Each structure stands twice: as structure tokens, then as C-alpha cells.
Amino acid sequence: MIPLALVINILVLATLCLALIREQPAMDAAYGPDTPARGILIAMYLTILGLSVLALVAPLPLAAVQTLVAFQVIYKLTTALTVGLSNPVVRANLAIAAFHTVALATSL
């Protein structure tokens, strides 16, 4: 399931990063206006995207890939505490975190 988790990362983050970089109007409703903080978030998303692609095409140690997926679970769960459940990004993050948690559990 870890490879599927990486594919989900790639599909979601590629789409999301393009929308954020192109400053699609719908992104303001979910992420707020374009600010330095949003730029930092895009950088984090691009990093996760790049590492996900690398993990699919290069023989990375399983522990490294598990760490990448675990990091995402932690930050996605934390957004529920820092942003709240009313935000659609947080709700989507929680769904992805649930899948990633199952992927991690089955990879142990």
C-alpha cells in the first residue's frame, strides 16, 4: 500500500501545487490569500511531491519512505488542531491521513 500512498501524493500534490502556483481563485477560499506563508506551504508540498516521485522511481530504503508518509500523517492531523475541521483542506487532509495510516500499518 505504500506505493499507492505515493501515487496518491503525486496526483493530489501535482494538481494542488499547479492550482496554488497559478493562483486559481478557488484556492483563496481554502488556503487564504497569497502570502509568504502560502509560499512556504507550496515549498513543503513540492518537497513531498518530489520525494514521492523519487521514492517510486529510485530504490529508497523502506524506512525513508515510511518516514515521509508518517510525516504527512502527523502534519495532516495537526492541521485539524491548528486550523479546525470547518476548513475543506483539513477534511481532505484527514481522509488522506487515514489512508496513509493504513498504508503505514500494513508496511510494518
PDB file of N, CA and C in Angstrom:
ATOM      1  N   MET A   1       0.810  -1.213   0.000  1.00  0.00           N
ATOM      2  CA  MET A   1       0.000   0.000   0.000  1.00  0.00           C
ATOM      3  C   MET A   1       0.848   1.271   0.000  1.00  0.00           C
ATOM      4  N   ILE A   2       2.099   1.148   0.388  1.00  0.00           N
ATOM      5  CA  ILE A   2       2.967   2.328   0.387  1.00  0.00           C
ATOM      6  C   ILE A   2       3.102   2.899  -1.032  1.00  0.00           C
ATOM      7  N   PRO A   3       3.299   2.063  -2.059  1.00  0.00           N
ATOM      8  CA  PRO A   3       3.348   2.649  -3.410  1.00  0.00           C
ATOM      9  C   PRO A   3       2.065   3.395  -3.780  1.00  0.00           C
ATOM     10  N   LEU A   4       0.924   2.882  -3.373  1.00  0.00           N
ATOM     11  CA  LEU A   4      -0.337   3.570  -3.657  1.00  0.00           C
ATOM     12  C   LEU A   4      -0.402   4.901  -2.904  1.00  0.00           C
ATOM     13  N   ALA A   5       0.103   4.932  -1.676  1.00  0.00           N
ATOM     14  CA  ALA A   5       0.151   6.185  -0.917  1.00  0.00           C
ATOM     15  C   ALA A   5       1.008   7.217  -1.654  1.00  0.00           C
ATOM     16  N   LEU A   6       2.106   6.769  -2.249  1.00  0.00           N
ATOM     17  CA  LEU A   6       2.967   7.680  -3.002  1.00  0.00           C
ATOM     18  C   LEU A   6       2.264   8.189  -4.261  1.00  0.00           C
ATOM     19  N   VAL A   7       1.542   7.308  -4.934  1.00  0.00           N
ATOM     20  CA  VAL A   7       0.789   7.718  -6.124  1.00  0.00           C
ATOM     21  C   VAL A   7      -0.274   8.746  -5.743  1.00  0.00           C
ATOM     22  N   ILE A   8      -0.961   8.518  -4.641  1.00  0.00           N
ATOM     23  CA  ILE A   8      -1.956   9.492  -4.165  1.00  0.00           C
ATOM     24  C   ILE A   8      -1.281  10.838  -3.903  1.00  0.00           C
ATOM     25  N   ASN A   9      -0.115  10.815  -3.246  1.00  0.00           N
ATOM     26  CA  ASN A   9       0.633  12.056  -3.013  1.00  0.00           C
ATOM     27  C   ASN A   9       0.884  12.788  -4.325  1.00  0.00           C
ATOM     28  N   ILE A  10       1.359  12.053  -5.315  1.00  0.00           N
ATOM     29  CA  ILE A  10       1.728  12.666  -6.586  1.00  0.00           C
ATOM     30  C   ILE A  10       0.504  13.272  -7.269  1.00  0.00           C
ATOM     31  N   LEU A  11      -0.574  12.513  -7.340  1.00  0.00           N
ATOM     32  CA  LEU A  11      -1.775  13.011  -8.017  1.00  0.00           C
ATOM     33  C   LEU A  11      -2.361  14.232  -7.310  1.00  0.00           C
ATOM     34  N   VAL A  12      -2.480  14.139  -5.991  1.00  0.00           N
ATOM     35  CA  VAL A  12      -3.071  15.243  -5.231  1.00  0.00           C
ATOM     36  C   VAL A  12      -2.154  16.467  -5.245  1.00  0.00           C
ATOM     37  N   LEU A  13      -0.884  16.252  -4.963  1.00  0.00           N
ATOM     38  CA  LEU A  13       0.013  17.401  -4.826  1.00  0.00           C
ATOM     39  C   LEU A  13       0.342  18.061  -6.156  1.00  0.00           C
ATOM     40  N   ALA A  14       0.447  17.305  -7.222  1.00  0.00           N
ATOM     41  CA  ALA A  14       0.703  17.922  -8.531  1.00  0.00           C
ATOM     42  C   ALA A  14      -0.459  18.848  -8.900  1.00  0.00           C
ATOM     43  N   THR A  15      -1.667  18.352  -8.720  1.00  0.00           N
ATOM     44  CA  THR A  15      -2.856  19.148  -9.025  1.00  0.00           C
ATOM     45  C   THR A  15      -2.935  20.373  -8.113  1.00  0.00           C
ATOM     46  N   LEU A  16      -2.736  20.152  -6.842  1.00  0.00           N
ATOM     47  CA  LEU A  16      -2.836  21.229  -5.862  1.00  0.00           C
ATOM     48  C   LEU A  16      -1.764  22.291  -6.082  1.00  0.00           C
ATOM     49  N   CYS A  17      -0.532  21.865  -6.289  1.00  0.00           N
ATOM     50  CA  CYS A  17       0.545  22.836  -6.483  1.00  0.00           C
ATOM     51  C   CYS A  17       0.315  23.678  -7.729  1.00  0.00           C
ATOM     52  N   LEU A  18      -0.141  23.058  -8.802  1.00  0.00           N
ATOM     53  CA  LEU A  18      -0.446  23.831 -10.011  1.00  0.00           C
ATOM     54  C   LEU A  18      -1.521  24.873  -9.742  1.00  0.00           C
ATOM     55  N   ALA A  19      -2.555  24.479  -9.034  1.00  0.00           N
ATOM     56  CA  ALA A  19      -3.631  25.424  -8.729  1.00  0.00           C
ATOM     57  C   ALA A  19      -3.135  26.562  -7.844  1.00  0.00           C
ATOM     58  N   LEU A  20      -2.303  26.249  -6.864  1.00  0.00           N
ATOM     59  CA  LEU A  20      -1.781  27.291  -5.973  1.00  0.00           C
ATOM     60  C   LEU A  20      -0.801  28.210  -6.698  1.00  0.00           C
ATOM     61  N   ILE A  21       0.072  27.632  -7.498  1.00  0.00           N
ATOM     62  CA  ILE A  21       1.063  28.440  -8.216  1.00  0.00           C
ATOM     63  C   ILE A  21       0.386  29.331  -9.249  1.00  0.00           C
ATOM     64  N   ARG A  22      -0.643  28.809  -9.897  1.00  0.00           N
ATOM     65  CA  ARG A  22      -1.381  29.602 -10.892  1.00  0.00           C
ATOM     66  C   ARG A  22      -2.362  30.568 -10.242  1.00  0.00           C
ATOM     67  N   GLU A  23      -2.420  30.539  -8.921  1.00  0.00           N
ATOM     68  CA  GLU A  23      -3.286  31.424  -8.145  1.00  0.00           C
ATOM     69  C   GLU A  23      -4.745  31.321  -8.589  1.00  0.00           C
ATOM     70  N   GLN A  24      -5.215  30.100  -8.698  1.00  0.00           N
ATOM     71  CA  GLN A  24      -6.616  29.867  -9.028  1.00  0.00           C
ATOM     72  C   GLN A  24      -7.493  30.487  -7.937  1.00  0.00           C
ATOM     73  N   PRO A  25      -8.549  31.208  -8.305  1.00  0.00           N
ATOM     74  CA  PRO A  25      -9.392  31.898  -7.314  1.00  0.00           C
ATOM     75  C   PRO A  25      -9.951  30.966  -6.231  1.00  0.00           C
ATOM     76  N   ALA A  26     -10.271  29.745  -6.584  1.00  0.00           N
ATOM     77  CA  ALA A  26     -10.836  28.818  -5.594  1.00  0.00           C
ATOM     78  C   ALA A  26      -9.839  28.513  -4.469  1.00  0.00           C
ATOM     79  N   MET A  27      -8.566  28.677  -4.739  1.00  0.00           N
ATOM     80  CA  MET A  27      -7.553  28.381  -3.719  1.00  0.00           C
ATOM     81  C   MET A  27      -7.606  29.392  -2.578  1.00  0.00           C
ATOM     82  N   ASP A  28      -7.983  30.626  -2.874  1.00  0.00           N
ATOM     83  CA  ASP A  28      -8.069  31.636  -1.820  1.00  0.00           C
ATOM     84  C   ASP A  28      -9.104  31.252  -0.764  1.00  0.00           C
ATOM     85  N   ALA A  29     -10.200  30.661  -1.193  1.00  0.00           N
ATOM     86  CA  ALA A  29     -11.244  30.270  -0.245  1.00  0.00           C
ATOM     87  C   ALA A  29     -10.744  29.201   0.725  1.00  0.00           C
ATOM     88  N   ALA A  30      -9.918  28.301   0.243  1.00  0.00           N
ATOM     89  CA  ALA A  30      -9.445  27.207   1.091  1.00  0.00           C
ATOM     90  C   ALA A  30      -8.137  27.534   1.813  1.00  0.00           C
ATOM     91  N   TYR A  31      -7.236  28.246   1.134  1.00  0.00           N
ATOM     92  CA  TYR A  31      -5.889  28.480   1.667  1.00  0.00           C
ATOM     93  C   TYR A  31      -5.644  29.913   2.111  1.00  0.00           C
ATOM     94  N   GLY A  32      -6.602  30.788   1.863  1.00  0.00           N
ATOM     95  CA  GLY A  32      -6.402  32.191   2.183  1.00  0.00           C
ATOM     96  C   GLY A  32      -5.656  32.885   1.059  1.00  0.00           C
ATOM     97  N   PRO A  33      -5.442  34.186   1.197  1.00  0.00           N
ATOM     98  CA  PRO A  33      -4.782  34.947   0.136  1.00  0.00           C
ATOM     99  C   PRO A  33      -3.319  34.533  -0.037  1.00  0.00           C
ATOM    100  N   ASP A  34      -2.776  34.912  -1.179  1.00  0.00           N
ATOM    101  CA  ASP A  34      -1.380  34.600  -1.465  1.00  0.00           C
ATOM    102  C   ASP A  34      -0.487  35.407  -0.521  1.00  0.00           C
ATOM    103  N   THR A  35       0.206  34.702   0.353  1.00  0.00           N
ATOM    104  CA  THR A  35       1.084  35.324   1.343  1.00  0.00           C
ATOM    105  C   THR A  35       2.392  34.540   1.387  1.00  0.00           C
ATOM    106  N   PRO A  36       3.411  35.062   2.076  1.00  0.00           N
ATOM    107  CA  PRO A  36       4.639  34.280   2.240  1.00  0.00           C
ATOM    108  C   PRO A  36       4.372  32.914   2.904  1.00  0.00           C
ATOM    109  N   ALA A  37       3.429  32.862   3.825  1.00  0.00           N
ATOM    110  CA  ALA A  37       3.120  31.585   4.477  1.00  0.00           C
ATOM    111  C   ALA A  37       2.602  30.571   3.462  1.00  0.00           C
ATOM    112  N   ARG A  38       1.797  31.016   2.532  1.00  0.00           N
ATOM    113  CA  ARG A  38       1.301  30.112   1.491  1.00  0.00           C
ATOM    114  C   ARG A  38       2.445  29.665   0.584  1.00  0.00           C
ATOM    115  N   GLY A  39       3.379  30.552   0.325  1.00  0.00           N
ATOM    116  CA  GLY A  39       4.564  30.181  -0.450  1.00  0.00           C
ATOM    117  C   GLY A  39       5.383  29.111   0.250  1.00  0.00           C
ATOM    118  N   ILE A  40       5.493  29.216   1.558  1.00  0.00           N
ATOM    119  CA  ILE A  40       6.202  28.202   2.341  1.00  0.00           C
ATOM    120  C   ILE A  40       5.462  26.872   2.259  1.00  0.00           C
ATOM    121  N   LEU A  41       4.147  26.911   2.326  1.00  0.00           N
ATOM    122  CA  LEU A  41       3.346  25.696   2.209  1.00  0.00           C
ATOM    123  C   LEU A  41       3.534  25.052   0.832  1.00  0.00           C
ATOM    124  N   ILE A  42       3.551  25.863  -0.220  1.00  0.00           N
ATOM    125  CA  ILE A  42       3.788  25.329  -1.566  1.00  0.00           C
ATOM    126  C   ILE A  42       5.157  24.656  -1.626  1.00  0.00           C
ATOM    127  N   ALA A  43       6.161  25.268  -1.010  1.00  0.00           N
ATOM    128  CA  ALA A  43       7.501  24.669  -0.991  1.00  0.00           C
ATOM    129  C   ALA A  43       7.476  23.307  -0.294  1.00  0.00           C
ATOM    130  N   MET A  44       6.743  23.214   0.804  1.00  0.00           N
ATOM    131  CA  MET A  44       6.627  21.940   1.514  1.00  0.00           C
ATOM    132  C   MET A  44       5.916  20.909   0.641  1.00  0.00           C
ATOM    133  N   TYR A  45       4.831  21.321  -0.001  1.00  0.00           N
ATOM    134  CA  TYR A  45       4.101  20.411  -0.894  1.00  0.00           C
ATOM    135  C   TYR A  45       4.985  19.944  -2.045  1.00  0.00           C
ATOM    136  N   LEU A  46       5.755  20.854  -2.642  1.00  0.00           N
ATOM    137  CA  LEU A  46       6.638  20.468  -3.743  1.00  0.00           C
ATOM    138  C   LEU A  46       7.715  19.497  -3.272  1.00  0.00           C
ATOM    139  N   THR A  47       8.185  19.674  -2.057  1.00  0.00           N
ATOM    140  CA  THR A  47       9.175  18.756  -1.499  1.00  0.00           C
ATOM    141  C   THR A  47       8.588  17.357  -1.330  1.00  0.00           C
ATOM    142  N   ILE A  48       7.395  17.277  -0.757  1.00  0.00           N
ATOM    143  CA  ILE A  48       6.728  15.979  -0.584  1.00  0.00           C
ATOM    144  C   ILE A  48       6.452  15.358  -1.950  1.00  0.00           C
ATOM    145  N   LEU A  49       6.028  16.169  -2.906  1.00  0.00           N
ATOM    146  CA  LEU A  49       5.781  15.687  -4.261  1.00  0.00           C
ATOM    147  C   LEU A  49       7.060  15.109  -4.872  1.00  0.00           C
ATOM    148  N   GLY A  50       8.137  15.857  -4.793  1.00  0.00           N
ATOM    149  CA  GLY A  50       9.416  15.396  -5.348  1.00  0.00           C
ATOM    150  C   GLY A  50       9.912  14.120  -4.696  1.00  0.00           C
ATOM    151  N   LEU A  51       9.811  14.057  -3.384  1.00  0.00           N
ATOM    152  CA  LEU A  51      10.250  12.852  -2.670  1.00  0.00           C
ATOM    153  C   LEU A  51       9.361  11.655  -3.003  1.00  0.00           C
ATOM    154  N   SER A  52       8.087  11.891  -3.217  1.00  0.00           N
ATOM    155  CA  SER A  52       7.171  10.808  -3.589  1.00  0.00           C
ATOM    156  C   SER A  52       7.531  10.251  -4.962  1.00  0.00           C
ATOM    157  N   VAL A  53       7.828  11.136  -5.901  1.00  0.00           N
ATOM    158  CA  VAL A  53       8.253  10.689  -7.232  1.00  0.00           C
ATOM    159  C   VAL A  53       9.559   9.913  -7.114  1.00  0.00           C
ATOM    160  N   LEU A  54      10.502  10.458  -6.382  1.00  0.00           N
ATOM    161  CA  LEU A  54      11.794   9.792  -6.195  1.00  0.00           C
ATOM    162  C   LEU A  54      11.616   8.406  -5.582  1.00  0.00           C
ATOM    163  N   ALA A  55      10.753   8.304  -4.592  1.00  0.00           N
ATOM    164  CA  ALA A  55      10.537   7.021  -3.917  1.00  0.00           C
ATOM    165  C   ALA A  55       9.927   5.969  -4.844  1.00  0.00           C
ATOM    166  N   LEU A  56       9.195   6.419  -5.837  1.00  0.00           N
ATOM    167  CA  LEU A  56       8.619   5.462  -6.796  1.00  0.00           C
ATOM    168  C   LEU A  56       9.615   5.027  -7.860  1.00  0.00           C
ATOM    169  N   VAL A  57      10.556   5.890  -8.208  1.00  0.00           N
ATOM    170  CA  VAL A  57      11.474   5.564  -9.308  1.00  0.00           C
ATOM    171  C   VAL A  57      12.869   5.141  -8.846  1.00  0.00           C
ATOM    172  N   ALA A  58      13.209   5.396  -7.610  1.00  0.00           N
ATOM    173  CA  ALA A  58      14.536   5.047  -7.093  1.00  0.00           C
ATOM    174  C   ALA A  58      14.387   4.061  -5.934  1.00  0.00           C
ATOM    175  N   PRO A  59      15.358   3.200  -5.790  1.00  0.00           N
ATOM    176  CA  PRO A  59      15.293   2.228  -4.687  1.00  0.00           C
ATOM    177  C   PRO A  59      15.656   2.866  -3.338  1.00  0.00           C
ATOM    178  N   LEU A  60      14.702   3.569  -2.750  1.00  0.00           N
ATOM    179  CA  LEU A  60      14.922   4.166  -1.432  1.00  0.00           C
ATOM    180  C   LEU A  60      14.640   3.132  -0.347  1.00  0.00           C
ATOM    181  N   PRO A  61      15.328   3.230   0.774  1.00  0.00           N
ATOM    182  CA  PRO A  61      15.023   2.306   1.881  1.00  0.00           C
ATOM    183  C   PRO A  61      13.571   2.488   2.344  1.00  0.00           C
ATOM    184  N   LEU A  62      12.924   1.372   2.678  1.00  0.00           N
ATOM    185  CA  LEU A  62      11.534   1.426   3.129  1.00  0.00           C
ATOM    186  C   LEU A  62      11.382   2.385   4.309  1.00  0.00           C
ATOM    187  N   ALA A  63      12.346   2.381   5.215  1.00  0.00           N
ATOM    188  CA  ALA A  63      12.254   3.259   6.389  1.00  0.00           C
ATOM    189  C   ALA A  63      12.188   4.733   5.985  1.00  0.00           C
ATOM    190  N   ALA A  64      12.888   5.116   4.930  1.00  0.00           N
ATOM    191  CA  ALA A  64      12.851   6.509   4.470  1.00  0.00           C
ATOM    192  C   ALA A  64      11.466   6.853   3.931  1.00  0.00           C
ATOM    193  N   VAL A  65      10.880   5.939   3.182  1.00  0.00           N
ATOM    194  CA  VAL A  65       9.553   6.178   2.622  1.00  0.00           C
ATOM    195  C   VAL A  65       8.512   6.183   3.738  1.00  0.00           C
ATOM    196  N   GLN A  66       8.655   5.291   4.702  1.00  0.00           N
ATOM    197  CA  GLN A  66       7.741   5.277   5.843  1.00  0.00           C
ATOM    198  C   GLN A  66       7.825   6.592   6.611  1.00  0.00           C
ATOM    199  N   THR A  67       9.010   7.144   6.730  1.00  0.00           N
ATOM    200  CA  THR A  67       9.181   8.424   7.419  1.00  0.00           C
ATOM    201  C   THR A  67       8.463   9.535   6.669  1.00  0.00           C
ATOM    202  N   LEU A  68       8.574   9.549   5.350  1.00  0.00           N
ATOM    203  CA  LEU A  68       7.867  10.547   4.547  1.00  0.00           C
ATOM    204  C   LEU A  68       6.364  10.451   4.752  1.00  0.00           C
ATOM    205  N   VAL A  69       5.832   9.242   4.729  1.00  0.00           N
ATOM    206  CA  VAL A  69       4.388   9.050   4.891  1.00  0.00           C
ATOM    207  C   VAL A  69       3.970   9.386   6.328  1.00  0.00           C
ATOM    208  N   ALA A  70       4.772   8.988   7.302  1.00  0.00           N
ATOM    209  CA  ALA A  70       4.450   9.290   8.704  1.00  0.00           C
ATOM    210  C   ALA A  70       4.452  10.798   8.954  1.00  0.00           C
ATOM    211  N   PHE A  71       5.405  11.506   8.364  1.00  0.00           N
ATOM    212  CA  PHE A  71       5.444  12.966   8.485  1.00  0.00           C
ATOM    213  C   PHE A  71       4.125  13.569   8.016  1.00  0.00           C
ATOM    214  N   GLN A  72       3.628  13.059   6.896  1.00  0.00           N
ATOM    215  CA  GLN A  72       2.380  13.590   6.367  1.00  0.00           C
ATOM    216  C   GLN A  72       1.206  13.303   7.284  1.00  0.00           C
ATOM    217  N   VAL A  73       1.164  12.122   7.839  1.00  0.00           N
ATOM    218  CA  VAL A  73       0.078  11.793   8.771  1.00  0.00           C
ATOM    219  C   VAL A  73       0.100  12.769   9.944  1.00  0.00           C
ATOM    220  N   ILE A  74       1.280  13.006  10.484  1.00  0.00           N
ATOM    221  CA  ILE A  74       1.391  13.888  11.650  1.00  0.00           C
ATOM    222  C   ILE A  74       0.987  15.317  11.295  1.00  0.00           C
ATOM    223  N   TYR A  75       1.504  15.840  10.190  1.00  0.00           N
ATOM    224  CA  TYR A  75       1.169  17.237   9.879  1.00  0.00           C
ATOM    225  C   TYR A  75      -0.297  17.380   9.483  1.00  0.00           C
ATOM    226  N   LYS A  76      -0.853  16.389   8.826  1.00  0.00           N
ATOM    227  CA  LYS A  76      -2.264  16.468   8.443  1.00  0.00           C
ATOM    228  C   LYS A  76      -3.172  16.397   9.673  1.00  0.00           C
ATOM    229  N   LEU A  77      -2.831  15.562  10.630  1.00  0.00           N
ATOM    230  CA  LEU A  77      -3.610  15.505  11.868  1.00  0.00           C
ATOM    231  C   LEU A  77      -3.466  16.803  12.665  1.00  0.00           C
ATOM    232  N   THR A  78      -2.278  17.358  12.663  1.00  0.00           N
ATOM    233  CA  THR A  78      -2.024  18.594  13.399  1.00  0.00           C
ATOM    234  C   THR A  78      -2.819  19.761  12.827  1.00  0.00           C
ATOM    235  N   THR A  79      -3.044  19.768  11.505  1.00  0.00           N
ATOM    236  CA  THR A  79      -3.817  20.868  10.923  1.00  0.00           C
ATOM    237  C   THR A  79      -5.241  20.913  11.471  1.00  0.00           C
ATOM    238  N   ALA A  80      -5.759  19.774  11.860  1.00  0.00           N
ATOM    239  CA  ALA A  80      -7.100  19.775  12.465  1.00  0.00           C
ATOM    240  C   ALA A  80      -7.098  20.574  13.765  1.00  0.00           C
ATOM    241  N   LEU A  81      -5.999  20.514  14.487  1.00  0.00           N
ATOM    242  CA  LEU A  81      -5.888  21.259  15.750  1.00  0.00           C
ATOM    243  C   LEU A  81      -5.604  22.742  15.514  1.00  0.00           C
ATOM    244  N   THR A  82      -4.803  23.047  14.493  1.00  0.00           N
ATOM    245  CA  THR A  82      -4.390  24.435  14.285  1.00  0.00           C
ATOM    246  C   THR A  82      -5.344  25.230  13.415  1.00  0.00           C
ATOM    247  N   VAL A  83      -6.088  24.553  12.529  1.00  0.00           N
ATOM    248  CA  VAL A  83      -6.975  25.252  11.603  1.00  0.00           C
ATOM    249  C   VAL A  83      -8.442  24.997  11.922  1.00  0.00           C
ATOM    250  N   GLY A  84      -8.761  23.796  12.343  1.00  0.00           N
ATOM    251  CA  GLY A  84     -10.142  23.443  12.652  1.00  0.00           C
ATOM    252  C   GLY A  84     -10.770  22.614  11.551  1.00  0.00           C
ATOM    253  N   LEU A  85     -11.827  21.921  11.903  1.00  0.00           N
ATOM    254  CA  LEU A  85     -12.470  20.985  10.985  1.00  0.00           C
ATOM    255  C   LEU A  85     -13.377  21.646   9.956  1.00  0.00           C
ATOM    256  N   SER A  86     -13.653  22.932  10.097  1.00  0.00           N
ATOM    257  CA  SER A  86     -14.550  23.588   9.143  1.00  0.00           C
ATOM    258  C   SER A  86     -13.869  23.844   7.797  1.00  0.00           C
ATOM    259  N   ASN A  87     -12.546  23.796   7.760  1.00  0.00           N
ATOM    260  CA  ASN A  87     -11.816  24.064   6.527  1.00  0.00           C
ATOM    261  C   ASN A  87     -11.809  22.812   5.647  1.00  0.00           C
ATOM    262  N   PRO A  88     -12.155  22.946   4.353  1.00  0.00           N
ATOM    263  CA  PRO A  88     -12.195  21.779   3.468  1.00  0.00           C
ATOM    264  C   PRO A  88     -10.834  21.122   3.260  1.00  0.00           C
ATOM    265  N   VAL A  89      -9.762  21.893   3.345  1.00  0.00           N
ATOM    266  CA  VAL A  89      -8.420  21.321   3.206  1.00  0.00           C
ATOM    267  C   VAL A  89      -8.139  20.376   4.361  1.00  0.00           C
ATOM    268  N   VAL A  90      -8.531  20.777   5.553  1.00  0.00           N
ATOM    269  CA  VAL A  90      -8.312  19.935   6.733  1.00  0.00           C
ATOM    270  C   VAL A  90      -9.079  18.633   6.592  1.00  0.00           C
ATOM    271  N   ARG A  91     -10.311  18.704   6.146  1.00  0.00           N
ATOM    272  CA  ARG A  91     -11.116  17.478   5.989  1.00  0.00           C
ATOM    273  C   ARG A  91     -10.499  16.555   4.942  1.00  0.00           C
ATOM    274  N   ALA A  92     -10.025  17.115   3.856  1.00  0.00           N
ATOM    275  CA  ALA A  92      -9.348  16.298   2.839  1.00  0.00           C
ATOM    276  C   ALA A  92      -8.062  15.708   3.400  1.00  0.00           C
ATOM    277  N   ASN A  93      -7.333  16.508   4.170  1.00  0.00           N
ATOM    278  CA  ASN A  93      -6.101  16.016   4.797  1.00  0.00           C
ATOM    279  C   ASN A  93      -6.382  14.835   5.719  1.00  0.00           C
ATOM    280  N   LEU A  94      -7.469  14.900   6.455  1.00  0.00           N
ATOM    281  CA  LEU A  94      -7.789  13.811   7.382  1.00  0.00           C
ATOM    282  C   LEU A  94      -8.108  12.523   6.629  1.00  0.00           C
ATOM    283  N   ALA A  95      -8.762  12.638   5.490  1.00  0.00           N
ATOM    284  CA  ALA A  95      -9.054  11.447   4.685  1.00  0.00           C
ATOM    285  C   ALA A  95      -7.752  10.831   4.167  1.00  0.00           C
ATOM    286  N   ILE A  96      -6.856  11.673   3.690  1.00  0.00           N
ATOM    287  CA  ILE A  96      -5.569  11.167   3.202  1.00  0.00           C
ATOM    288  C   ILE A  96      -4.753  10.596   4.352  1.00  0.00           C
ATOM    289  N   ALA A  97      -4.790  11.249   5.503  1.00  0.00           N
ATOM    290  CA  ALA A  97      -4.064  10.739   6.677  1.00  0.00           C
ATOM    291  C   ALA A  97      -4.579   9.367   7.084  1.00  0.00           C
ATOM    292  N   ALA A  98      -5.873   9.151   6.993  1.00  0.00           N
ATOM    293  CA  ALA A  98      -6.432   7.833   7.330  1.00  0.00           C
ATOM    294  C   ALA A  98      -5.889   6.773   6.386  1.00  0.00           C
ATOM    295  N   PHE A  99      -5.882   7.069   5.085  1.00  0.00           N
ATOM    296  CA  PHE A  99      -5.332   6.110   4.127  1.00  0.00           C
ATOM    297  C   PHE A  99      -3.856   5.863   4.400  1.00  0.00           C
ATOM    298  N   HIS A 100      -3.092   6.943   4.605  1.00  0.00           N
ATOM    299  CA  HIS A 100      -1.654   6.797   4.862  1.00  0.00           C
ATOM    300  C   HIS A 100      -1.380   6.003   6.141  1.00  0.00           C
ATOM    301  N   THR A 101      -2.234   6.153   7.134  1.00  0.00           N
ATOM    302  CA  THR A 101      -2.066   5.395   8.377  1.00  0.00           C
ATOM    303  C   THR A 101      -2.222   3.894   8.108  1.00  0.00           C
ATOM    304  N   VAL A 102      -3.207   3.540   7.310  1.00  0.00           N
ATOM    305  CA  VAL A 102      -3.393   2.131   6.941  1.00  0.00           C
ATOM    306  C   VAL A 102      -2.192   1.648   6.122  1.00  0.00           C
ATOM    307  N   ALA A 103      -1.723   2.466   5.201  1.00  0.00           N
ATOM    308  CA  ALA A 103      -0.552   2.090   4.397  1.00  0.00           C
ATOM    309  C   ALA A 103       0.654   1.847   5.285  1.00  0.00           C
ATOM    310  N   LEU A 104       0.855   2.718   6.261  1.00  0.00           N
ATOM    311  CA  LEU A 104       1.977   2.535   7.183  1.00  0.00           C
ATOM    312  C   LEU A 104       1.813   1.258   8.009  1.00  0.00           C
ATOM    313  N   ALA A 105       0.623   1.064   8.543  1.00  0.00           N
ATOM    314  CA  ALA A 105       0.381  -0.108   9.399  1.00  0.00           C
ATOM    315  C   ALA A 105       0.612  -1.402   8.640  1.00  0.00           C
ATOM    316  N   THR A 106       0.240  -1.433   7.375  1.00  0.00           N
ATOM    317  CA  THR A 106       0.417  -2.664   6.591  1.00  0.00           C
ATOM    318  C   THR A 106       1.840  -2.843   6.085  1.00  0.00           C
ATOM    319  N   SER A 107       2.665  -1.805   6.208  1.00  0.00           N
ATOM    320  CA  SER A 107       4.057  -1.907   5.745  1.00  0.00           C
ATOM    321  C   SER A 107       5.015  -2.331   6.846  1.00  0.00           C
ATOM    322  N   LEU A 108       4.510  -2.414   8.066  1.00  0.00           N
ATOM    323  CA  LEU A 108       5.383  -2.774   9.197  1.00  0.00           C
ATOM    324  C   LEU A 108       5.635  -4.265   9.269  1.00  0.00           C
TER     325      LEU A 108
END
